[in-house]
Amino acid sequence: MTQQNKNSRLLALDVMRGITIAGMLLVNNPGSWGAIYAPLGHAAWNGLTPTDLVFPFFMFIMGVAMYMSMRKFEFKLTGNVAYKILRRTIVIFAIGLGLSWFGFFCRHLAAGDSFLTSINNLETMRILGVMPRLALCYCAASIIACLVPKSSFVKSMSLVAAGLIVAYSLILILGNGYAISEDNIIYRVDNVLLGSNHMYKGLAVWKALDNSAFDPEGLVSTIPAIAHVIIGVLCGHLIVTIKDNDQRVKNLFIIGAVLMIIGWFASYGLPINKNIWSPTFVLMTCGMGSTLLALLIWIIDIKGYKKWTKFFETFGINPLFLYVLGGALSILFGCIKLPIGGELISIHNIIYKSFLLEMIGDKYLASCLYAIIFVCINWCVGYVLYKKKIYIKI
C-alpha cells in the first residue's frame, strides 16, 4: 500500500478505468438474475450488449496503462523486470483462484455442509475467470512488448496483434469455434486441459448438452484477449508520444473508427461473440474503447469538465482492489444470514426482497436498484482510500 500523487496520473485514464469497474460491479450483482433489464445482461451467444463492453474496456485500458508503467524500464526484459512481471502475474492469478475458492467455501458452508467439506473444494473450483485472464494477458503482453525491436515498436506490436487475431480466426473457422457443440475446438481443448469440473457452468445456451461446462475465459480464447491488451498498449504509446491533446483525441478517434469498421464488416463472416472472445469482438470493443478514451480526454482535459469525475475516479485509482472487494462482498451478502421474523435471511435478500421489492413491487426496478446500492457500498470504501490518497497495488 503506497501514497500516490494523483496529479501524476492521467485523469481520463482513471475515469475510464473507474467507469468499467463500476460497470462490472453493477452487472455482476443484480438483485435477481431472473429480473435484469436487457442492457444489463450479456448476449446469450452471438451479439453485443452494453454489459459485454465492461470487461474488454478494462482490458483495453490495462494495456494503455501498461505502456505508461513499463516505459520507465525502457521495455527491456532484465532479470528485475521479468521478476516484477512474473510476481504480479502470480499475485493476480492467485487472487482470482482465492476468490473462486472463497465463493465455493461460503456457499457450501451456508448450505449446511461441514467446515471440512466446505474448505476442501479444490476438485470443483473454477480455475480461470476474470482475474486469471487479466493475469495471463498482462504477462504475455508485457513480455511481448519487451521482446519486440524497439526501433519498430509500433509496427512489430501491430503485427503481433494482427497475427494473433488472424491465427485465432483460422482456429474458429477450422475448429467449429462458433458451434454450441462438443465438436467446438474451444470447448474440446479447455475440457482436456482444465477438466469440466474446473470450467464455468453458467452459460444457459450450453445447458442443453450433457456436459454444460464452457468457460468464456478459457485458455484458447485467451489468444485474442492478448491481442486485445496489445492494442491498448499501442494506444498507450500514442498517448505518451503525442503531447497535444487535440491530436491525441483525433488519432484515438481515427483508430477507434477504423477498428469498428473492420470489425463490423468482418462480423458478417465471424460474428461478434464475447463468450469465445471472437476476433470481431476484439476489434469492435477496442474500437469503442479507443473512442471512449478519446471522448473522455476531450471532455476532461480539453474542455475541463471535471466535477462529475470524482465518483468514477474513486474506482479508477484502486480498480483491482475494489473489484476483488466487490466479489468478496457479493459472496458474503449471499451467504451470511441474519434472523429476521423468525427465519434466517441472507443480507442480499434482506436488501432486495424484504426492503426494495416490498417497497417498490417491480422486481426489475428493485433488482437494478440493488445493483446500484451494491456499487455505492463499494464506492464508500474506495472513497476513504481516495481521500487518503492511498493506492493499493495488486
Protein backbone atom coordinates (compact mmCIF):
# COMPACT_ATOMS: atom_id res chain seq x y z
CA MET A 1 0.00 0.00 0.00
CA THR A 2 1.57 3.32 -1.04
CA GLN A 3 0.76 7.00 -1.07
CA GLN A 4 0.03 8.12 -4.62
CA ASN A 5 0.18 11.62 -6.07
CA LYS A 6 -2.94 11.68 -8.19
CA ASN A 7 -1.61 14.62 -10.23
CA SER A 8 0.96 12.26 -11.75
CA ARG A 9 -1.83 10.14 -13.18
CA LEU A 10 -3.83 10.68 -16.36
CA LEU A 11 -7.30 11.61 -15.11
CA ALA A 12 -9.17 10.45 -18.22
CA LEU A 13 -7.49 7.06 -17.86
CA ASP A 14 -8.52 6.75 -14.21
CA VAL A 15 -12.07 7.83 -15.02
CA MET A 16 -12.44 5.28 -17.83
CA ARG A 17 -11.00 2.59 -15.60
CA GLY A 18 -13.42 3.64 -12.87
CA ILE A 19 -16.37 3.53 -15.26
CA THR A 20 -15.51 -0.05 -16.22
CA ILE A 21 -15.05 -1.23 -12.62
CA ALA A 22 -18.32 0.38 -11.54
CA GLY A 23 -19.95 -1.21 -14.59
CA MET A 24 -18.54 -4.65 -13.77
CA LEU A 25 -19.85 -4.44 -10.20
CA LEU A 26 -23.23 -3.22 -11.44
CA VAL A 27 -23.85 -6.00 -13.98
CA ASN A 28 -22.42 -8.76 -11.76
CA ASN A 29 -24.67 -8.02 -8.78
CA PRO A 30 -28.37 -7.71 -9.66
CA GLY A 31 -30.99 -8.28 -7.03
CA SER A 32 -32.23 -11.25 -9.07
CA TRP A 33 -30.70 -12.89 -12.14
CA GLY A 34 -34.26 -13.55 -13.27
CA ALA A 35 -35.11 -9.83 -13.33
CA ILE A 36 -32.49 -7.98 -15.36
CA TYR A 37 -33.09 -5.12 -17.78
CA ALA A 38 -31.88 -6.20 -21.24
CA PRO A 39 -28.88 -3.80 -21.43
CA LEU A 40 -27.62 -5.17 -18.09
CA GLY A 41 -27.42 -8.76 -19.35
CA HIS A 42 -24.81 -10.46 -21.53
CA ALA A 43 -25.64 -11.61 -25.04
CA ALA A 44 -26.64 -15.29 -24.82
CA TRP A 45 -24.16 -16.25 -27.57
CA ASN A 46 -23.56 -14.09 -30.66
CA GLY A 47 -24.25 -10.39 -30.27
CA LEU A 48 -23.18 -7.43 -28.18
CA THR A 49 -24.86 -5.64 -25.27
CA PRO A 50 -23.62 -2.72 -23.13
CA THR A 51 -22.76 -5.27 -20.43
CA ASP A 52 -20.44 -7.08 -22.85
CA LEU A 53 -18.30 -3.93 -23.07
CA VAL A 54 -17.18 -3.50 -19.47
CA PHE A 55 -14.61 -6.33 -19.23
CA PRO A 56 -12.99 -5.72 -22.65
CA PHE A 57 -12.85 -1.98 -21.89
CA PHE A 58 -10.93 -2.77 -18.71
CA MET A 59 -8.50 -5.00 -20.62
CA PHE A 60 -8.01 -2.28 -23.22
CA ILE A 61 -7.30 0.33 -20.54
CA MET A 62 -4.95 -2.13 -18.80
CA GLY A 63 -2.91 -2.19 -22.00
CA VAL A 64 -2.84 1.63 -22.14
CA ALA A 65 -1.65 1.83 -18.52
CA MET A 66 0.84 -0.99 -19.11
CA TYR A 67 2.70 1.06 -21.70
CA MET A 68 2.91 4.04 -19.36
CA SER A 69 4.21 1.96 -16.45
CA MET A 70 6.73 -0.11 -18.44
CA ARG A 71 8.36 2.72 -20.35
CA LYS A 72 10.34 3.59 -17.20
CA PHE A 73 12.04 0.21 -17.67
CA GLU A 74 12.59 1.07 -21.36
CA PHE A 75 10.83 -2.20 -22.24
CA LYS A 76 13.98 -4.19 -21.52
CA LEU A 77 13.43 -7.71 -20.21
CA THR A 78 16.07 -7.62 -17.48
CA GLY A 79 16.02 -10.05 -14.59
CA ASN A 80 14.41 -7.42 -12.37
CA VAL A 81 11.68 -6.63 -14.93
CA ALA A 82 10.98 -10.33 -15.54
CA TYR A 83 10.67 -10.83 -11.79
CA LYS A 84 8.20 -7.93 -11.47
CA ILE A 85 6.09 -9.24 -14.36
CA LEU A 86 6.05 -12.80 -13.01
CA ARG A 87 5.32 -11.69 -9.45
CA ARG A 88 2.36 -9.52 -10.49
CA THR A 89 1.05 -12.27 -12.76
CA ILE A 90 1.14 -14.83 -9.94
CA VAL A 91 -0.45 -12.42 -7.44
CA ILE A 92 -3.37 -11.51 -9.74
CA PHE A 93 -3.90 -15.15 -10.76
CA ALA A 94 -3.73 -16.32 -7.13
CA ILE A 95 -6.29 -13.69 -6.05
CA GLY A 96 -8.62 -14.98 -8.77
CA LEU A 97 -8.21 -18.54 -7.54
CA GLY A 98 -8.67 -17.42 -3.95
CA LEU A 99 -11.90 -15.60 -4.80
CA SER A 100 -13.19 -18.70 -6.59
CA TRP A 101 -12.29 -20.91 -3.62
CA PHE A 102 -13.84 -18.43 -1.17
CA GLY A 103 -17.11 -18.48 -3.10
CA PHE A 104 -17.32 -22.27 -3.03
CA PHE A 105 -16.34 -22.35 0.66
CA CYS A 106 -19.00 -19.83 1.74
CA ARG A 107 -21.77 -21.36 -0.37
CA HIS A 108 -21.08 -24.89 0.90
CA LEU A 109 -20.92 -23.65 4.48
CA ALA A 110 -24.18 -21.71 4.05
CA ALA A 111 -25.82 -24.84 2.61
CA GLY A 112 -25.09 -26.70 5.84
CA ASP A 113 -22.00 -28.66 4.79
CA SER A 114 -19.33 -29.28 7.39
CA PHE A 115 -16.35 -26.93 7.65
CA LEU A 116 -14.01 -29.67 6.41
CA THR A 117 -16.21 -30.40 3.39
CA SER A 118 -16.58 -26.69 2.62
CA ILE A 119 -12.88 -25.97 2.81
CA ASN A 120 -11.94 -28.91 0.57
CA ASN A 121 -13.41 -27.80 -2.75
CA LEU A 122 -10.34 -27.89 -4.98
CA GLU A 123 -11.79 -30.68 -7.12
CA THR A 124 -14.65 -28.47 -8.32
CA MET A 125 -13.11 -25.00 -8.11
CA ARG A 126 -13.11 -22.96 -11.31
CA ILE A 127 -9.53 -22.27 -12.37
CA LEU A 128 -9.97 -19.42 -14.82
CA GLY A 129 -12.11 -16.30 -14.74
CA VAL A 130 -11.75 -12.52 -14.89
CA MET A 131 -8.67 -12.16 -12.66
CA PRO A 132 -6.77 -15.13 -14.14
CA ARG A 133 -7.45 -13.81 -17.65
CA LEU A 134 -6.12 -10.41 -16.66
CA ALA A 135 -3.02 -12.09 -15.22
CA LEU A 136 -2.30 -14.22 -18.29
CA CYS A 137 -2.86 -11.35 -20.74
CA TYR A 138 -0.78 -8.95 -18.67
CA CYS A 139 2.08 -11.43 -18.56
CA ALA A 140 2.02 -12.28 -22.28
CA ALA A 141 1.59 -8.68 -23.48
CA SER A 142 4.33 -7.41 -21.15
CA ILE A 143 6.84 -10.00 -22.32
CA ILE A 144 5.97 -9.41 -25.98
CA ALA A 145 6.38 -5.63 -25.51
CA CYS A 146 9.84 -6.21 -24.03
CA LEU A 147 10.96 -8.60 -26.78
CA VAL A 148 9.92 -6.78 -29.95
CA PRO A 149 12.52 -4.47 -31.60
CA LYS A 150 12.40 -1.02 -30.02
CA SER A 151 13.24 0.64 -33.34
CA SER A 152 9.99 -0.65 -34.83
CA PHE A 153 7.87 -0.98 -31.69
CA VAL A 154 4.55 0.13 -33.18
CA LYS A 155 4.94 -1.91 -36.36
CA SER A 156 6.10 -5.03 -34.51
CA MET A 157 3.36 -4.89 -31.87
CA SER A 158 0.76 -4.26 -34.58
CA LEU A 159 1.97 -7.30 -36.50
CA VAL A 160 1.86 -9.47 -33.36
CA ALA A 161 -1.71 -8.34 -32.58
CA ALA A 162 -2.79 -8.91 -36.19
CA GLY A 163 -1.08 -12.31 -36.25
CA LEU A 164 -2.87 -13.43 -33.09
CA ILE A 165 -6.24 -12.26 -34.45
CA VAL A 166 -5.74 -13.96 -37.83
CA ALA A 167 -4.49 -17.18 -36.21
CA TYR A 168 -7.47 -17.27 -33.88
CA SER A 169 -9.83 -16.60 -36.78
CA LEU A 170 -8.46 -19.70 -38.52
CA ILE A 171 -8.84 -21.72 -35.31
CA LEU A 172 -12.50 -20.74 -35.11
CA ILE A 173 -13.19 -21.42 -38.79
CA LEU A 174 -11.39 -24.77 -38.92
CA GLY A 175 -12.36 -25.88 -35.41
CA ASN A 176 -16.11 -25.21 -35.46
CA GLY A 177 -15.49 -22.46 -32.94
CA TYR A 178 -18.94 -20.87 -33.10
CA ALA A 179 -20.89 -24.09 -32.63
CA ILE A 180 -22.72 -24.85 -29.41
CA SER A 181 -21.50 -28.40 -29.62
CA GLU A 182 -18.94 -30.75 -28.14
CA ASP A 183 -17.18 -30.51 -31.51
CA ASN A 184 -16.28 -26.89 -30.70
CA ILE A 185 -12.48 -26.71 -30.55
CA ILE A 186 -12.54 -24.18 -27.72
CA TYR A 187 -14.65 -26.50 -25.61
CA ARG A 188 -12.57 -29.56 -26.53
CA VAL A 189 -9.18 -28.03 -25.72
CA ASP A 190 -10.33 -26.38 -22.49
CA ASN A 191 -12.08 -29.56 -21.41
CA VAL A 192 -8.90 -31.59 -21.89
CA LEU A 193 -6.53 -29.08 -20.29
CA LEU A 194 -8.76 -27.78 -17.50
CA GLY A 195 -11.33 -30.52 -16.98
CA SER A 196 -15.07 -29.86 -16.95
CA ASN A 197 -15.14 -29.69 -13.12
CA HIS A 198 -12.90 -26.61 -13.27
CA MET A 199 -14.81 -24.76 -16.00
CA TYR A 200 -17.71 -22.32 -15.91
CA LYS A 201 -21.15 -23.95 -15.94
CA GLY A 202 -23.41 -20.89 -16.10
CA LEU A 203 -23.93 -20.36 -19.85
CA ALA A 204 -27.61 -21.04 -20.49
CA VAL A 205 -27.15 -21.85 -24.19
CA TRP A 206 -24.83 -24.76 -23.29
CA LYS A 207 -27.10 -26.35 -20.70
CA ALA A 208 -28.88 -28.50 -23.29
CA LEU A 209 -25.69 -30.53 -23.63
CA ASP A 210 -24.90 -33.41 -21.32
CA ASN A 211 -21.80 -31.59 -20.16
CA SER A 212 -22.73 -27.92 -19.96
CA ALA A 213 -19.29 -26.62 -18.94
CA PHE A 214 -17.97 -23.89 -21.24
CA ASP A 215 -15.57 -21.27 -19.99
CA PRO A 216 -15.88 -17.78 -21.52
CA GLU A 217 -12.46 -17.02 -20.02
CA GLY A 218 -10.88 -20.29 -21.15
CA LEU A 219 -7.36 -20.95 -22.35
CA VAL A 220 -7.97 -20.95 -26.10
CA SER A 221 -9.94 -17.70 -26.09
CA THR A 222 -7.08 -16.06 -24.18
CA ILE A 223 -5.19 -15.87 -27.51
CA PRO A 224 -7.28 -12.99 -28.92
CA ALA A 225 -7.51 -11.42 -25.46
CA ILE A 226 -3.72 -10.97 -25.55
CA ALA A 227 -4.14 -9.11 -28.86
CA HIS A 228 -6.79 -7.03 -27.10
CA VAL A 229 -4.29 -5.83 -24.49
CA ILE A 230 -1.63 -5.22 -27.14
CA ILE A 231 -3.99 -2.84 -28.96
CA GLY A 232 -4.34 -1.00 -25.65
CA VAL A 233 -0.53 -0.86 -25.37
CA LEU A 234 -0.36 0.72 -28.84
CA CYS A 235 -2.91 3.34 -27.82
CA GLY A 236 -0.83 3.99 -24.69
CA HIS A 237 2.18 4.59 -26.95
CA LEU A 238 0.13 7.08 -28.95
CA ILE A 239 -0.92 8.99 -25.81
CA VAL A 240 2.64 9.19 -24.49
CA THR A 241 4.36 10.15 -27.75
CA ILE A 242 1.77 12.76 -28.80
CA LYS A 243 1.79 15.67 -26.35
CA ASP A 244 -1.01 17.75 -27.90
CA ASN A 245 -4.40 16.70 -26.53
CA ASP A 246 -6.27 17.74 -29.68
CA GLN A 247 -4.06 15.48 -31.78
CA ARG A 248 -4.34 12.67 -29.24
CA VAL A 249 -8.11 12.84 -29.46
CA LYS A 250 -8.14 12.90 -33.26
CA ASN A 251 -5.80 9.91 -33.55
CA LEU A 252 -7.71 7.88 -30.95
CA PHE A 253 -10.98 8.63 -32.75
CA ILE A 254 -9.44 7.56 -36.07
CA ILE A 255 -8.09 4.31 -34.57
CA GLY A 256 -11.47 3.63 -32.97
CA ALA A 257 -13.36 4.25 -36.20
CA VAL A 258 -11.02 2.06 -38.27
CA LEU A 259 -11.20 -0.84 -35.80
CA MET A 260 -15.01 -0.65 -35.57
CA ILE A 261 -15.44 -0.51 -39.35
CA ILE A 262 -13.16 -3.52 -39.87
CA GLY A 263 -14.90 -5.38 -37.04
CA TRP A 264 -18.35 -4.60 -38.42
CA PHE A 265 -17.54 -5.82 -41.93
CA ALA A 266 -15.72 -8.90 -40.62
CA SER A 267 -18.69 -9.77 -38.38
CA TYR A 268 -20.60 -10.99 -41.46
CA GLY A 269 -18.22 -13.97 -41.53
CA LEU A 270 -17.08 -14.06 -37.90
CA PRO A 271 -19.94 -12.94 -35.64
CA ILE A 272 -19.27 -10.79 -32.58
CA ASN A 273 -19.22 -13.11 -29.58
CA LYS A 274 -17.89 -12.34 -26.10
CA ASN A 275 -18.12 -15.94 -24.91
CA ILE A 276 -15.41 -17.03 -27.33
CA TRP A 277 -13.77 -13.56 -27.48
CA SER A 278 -14.14 -13.61 -31.26
CA PRO A 279 -11.78 -11.54 -33.45
CA THR A 280 -14.62 -9.16 -34.31
CA PHE A 281 -15.37 -8.78 -30.60
CA VAL A 282 -11.75 -7.68 -30.11
CA LEU A 283 -11.90 -5.18 -32.97
CA MET A 284 -15.28 -3.71 -32.08
CA THR A 285 -14.66 -3.35 -28.35
CA CYS A 286 -11.13 -1.98 -28.77
CA GLY A 287 -12.51 0.48 -31.30
CA MET A 288 -15.23 1.53 -28.88
CA GLY A 289 -12.70 1.70 -26.05
CA SER A 290 -10.39 3.96 -28.07
CA THR A 291 -13.34 6.18 -28.96
CA LEU A 292 -14.50 6.42 -25.33
CA LEU A 293 -10.99 7.28 -24.15
CA ALA A 294 -10.75 10.00 -26.81
CA LEU A 295 -14.12 11.38 -25.71
CA LEU A 296 -13.04 11.44 -22.06
CA ILE A 297 -9.78 13.23 -22.85
CA TRP A 298 -11.78 15.80 -24.84
CA ILE A 299 -14.33 16.31 -22.06
CA ILE A 300 -11.92 16.25 -19.11
CA ASP A 301 -8.58 17.56 -20.37
CA ILE A 302 -9.59 19.82 -23.24
CA LYS A 303 -12.95 21.19 -22.10
CA GLY A 304 -12.08 20.96 -18.40
CA TYR A 305 -15.35 19.38 -17.22
CA LYS A 306 -14.02 17.53 -14.16
CA LYS A 307 -16.59 17.93 -11.38
CA TRP A 308 -18.53 14.82 -12.47
CA THR A 309 -15.42 12.61 -12.46
CA LYS A 310 -14.97 12.15 -8.69
CA PHE A 311 -17.30 9.16 -8.42
CA PHE A 312 -15.51 7.20 -11.15
CA GLU A 313 -12.04 8.41 -10.21
CA THR A 314 -12.61 6.81 -6.81
CA PHE A 315 -12.96 3.42 -8.53
CA GLY A 316 -10.21 4.18 -11.03
CA ILE A 317 -7.33 4.69 -8.63
CA ASN A 318 -7.84 1.30 -6.93
CA PRO A 319 -9.58 -0.74 -9.66
CA LEU A 320 -8.47 -4.29 -8.95
CA PHE A 321 -8.76 -3.93 -5.19
CA LEU A 322 -12.34 -2.65 -5.46
CA TYR A 323 -13.24 -5.34 -7.99
CA VAL A 324 -11.94 -8.04 -5.64
CA LEU A 325 -13.67 -6.37 -2.68
CA GLY A 326 -16.91 -6.37 -4.67
CA GLY A 327 -16.51 -10.07 -5.43
CA ALA A 328 -15.90 -10.91 -1.77
CA LEU A 329 -18.83 -8.76 -0.55
CA SER A 330 -21.13 -10.32 -3.14
CA ILE A 331 -20.30 -13.77 -1.78
CA LEU A 332 -20.72 -12.69 1.83
CA PHE A 333 -24.01 -10.87 1.18
CA GLY A 334 -25.40 -14.05 -0.35
CA CYS A 335 -24.15 -16.39 2.38
CA ILE A 336 -24.36 -14.51 5.69
CA LYS A 337 -27.86 -14.95 7.10
CA LEU A 338 -29.48 -12.91 9.84
CA PRO A 339 -32.54 -13.79 11.95
CA ILE A 340 -35.46 -11.77 10.58
CA GLY A 341 -39.08 -12.54 11.52
CA GLY A 342 -38.23 -15.92 12.94
CA GLU A 343 -36.21 -17.14 9.94
CA LEU A 344 -32.68 -16.76 8.65
CA ILE A 345 -32.41 -14.45 5.62
CA SER A 346 -29.27 -13.53 3.71
CA ILE A 347 -28.10 -9.91 3.64
CA HIS A 348 -28.76 -9.95 -0.11
CA ASN A 349 -32.38 -10.98 0.34
CA ILE A 350 -32.93 -8.57 3.22
CA ILE A 351 -31.96 -5.66 0.97
CA TYR A 352 -33.55 -6.95 -2.23
CA LYS A 353 -36.65 -8.90 -1.21
CA SER A 354 -37.54 -7.65 2.25
CA PHE A 355 -36.84 -3.98 1.53
CA LEU A 356 -36.62 -2.99 -2.16
CA LEU A 357 -39.09 -5.48 -3.63
CA GLU A 358 -41.60 -4.96 -0.84
CA MET A 359 -41.35 -1.18 -1.14
CA ILE A 360 -41.32 -0.90 -4.97
CA GLY A 361 -43.18 -4.00 -6.16
CA ASP A 362 -41.44 -4.02 -9.56
CA LYS A 363 -38.86 -6.84 -9.49
CA TYR A 364 -36.83 -5.41 -12.39
CA LEU A 365 -36.52 -1.96 -10.84
CA ALA A 366 -35.81 -3.45 -7.42
CA SER A 367 -33.14 -5.71 -8.90
CA CYS A 368 -31.50 -2.74 -10.64
CA LEU A 369 -31.62 -0.59 -7.50
CA TYR A 370 -29.98 -3.39 -5.51
CA ALA A 371 -27.09 -3.42 -8.01
CA ILE A 372 -26.75 0.38 -7.73
CA ILE A 373 -26.74 0.19 -3.91
CA PHE A 374 -24.08 -2.52 -4.08
CA VAL A 375 -21.90 -0.32 -6.29
CA CYS A 376 -22.33 2.57 -3.83
CA ILE A 377 -21.31 0.39 -0.87
CA ASN A 378 -18.05 -0.44 -2.63
CA TRP A 379 -17.63 3.21 -3.60
CA CYS A 380 -17.76 4.21 0.07
CA VAL A 381 -14.72 2.03 0.78
CA GLY A 382 -12.97 3.38 -2.31
CA TYR A 383 -13.75 6.97 -1.30
CA VAL A 384 -11.93 6.56 2.02
CA LEU A 385 -8.85 5.37 0.11
CA TYR A 386 -9.32 8.19 -2.43
CA LYS A 387 -9.45 10.89 0.26
CA LYS A 388 -6.36 9.48 1.96
CA LYS A 389 -4.63 9.20 -1.45
CA ILE A 390 -3.92 5.53 -0.84
CA TYR A 391 -3.22 3.38 -3.88
CA ILE A 392 -3.35 -0.37 -3.24
CA LYS A 393 -1.16 -2.05 -5.83
CA ILE A 394 -2.11 -5.53 -7.00
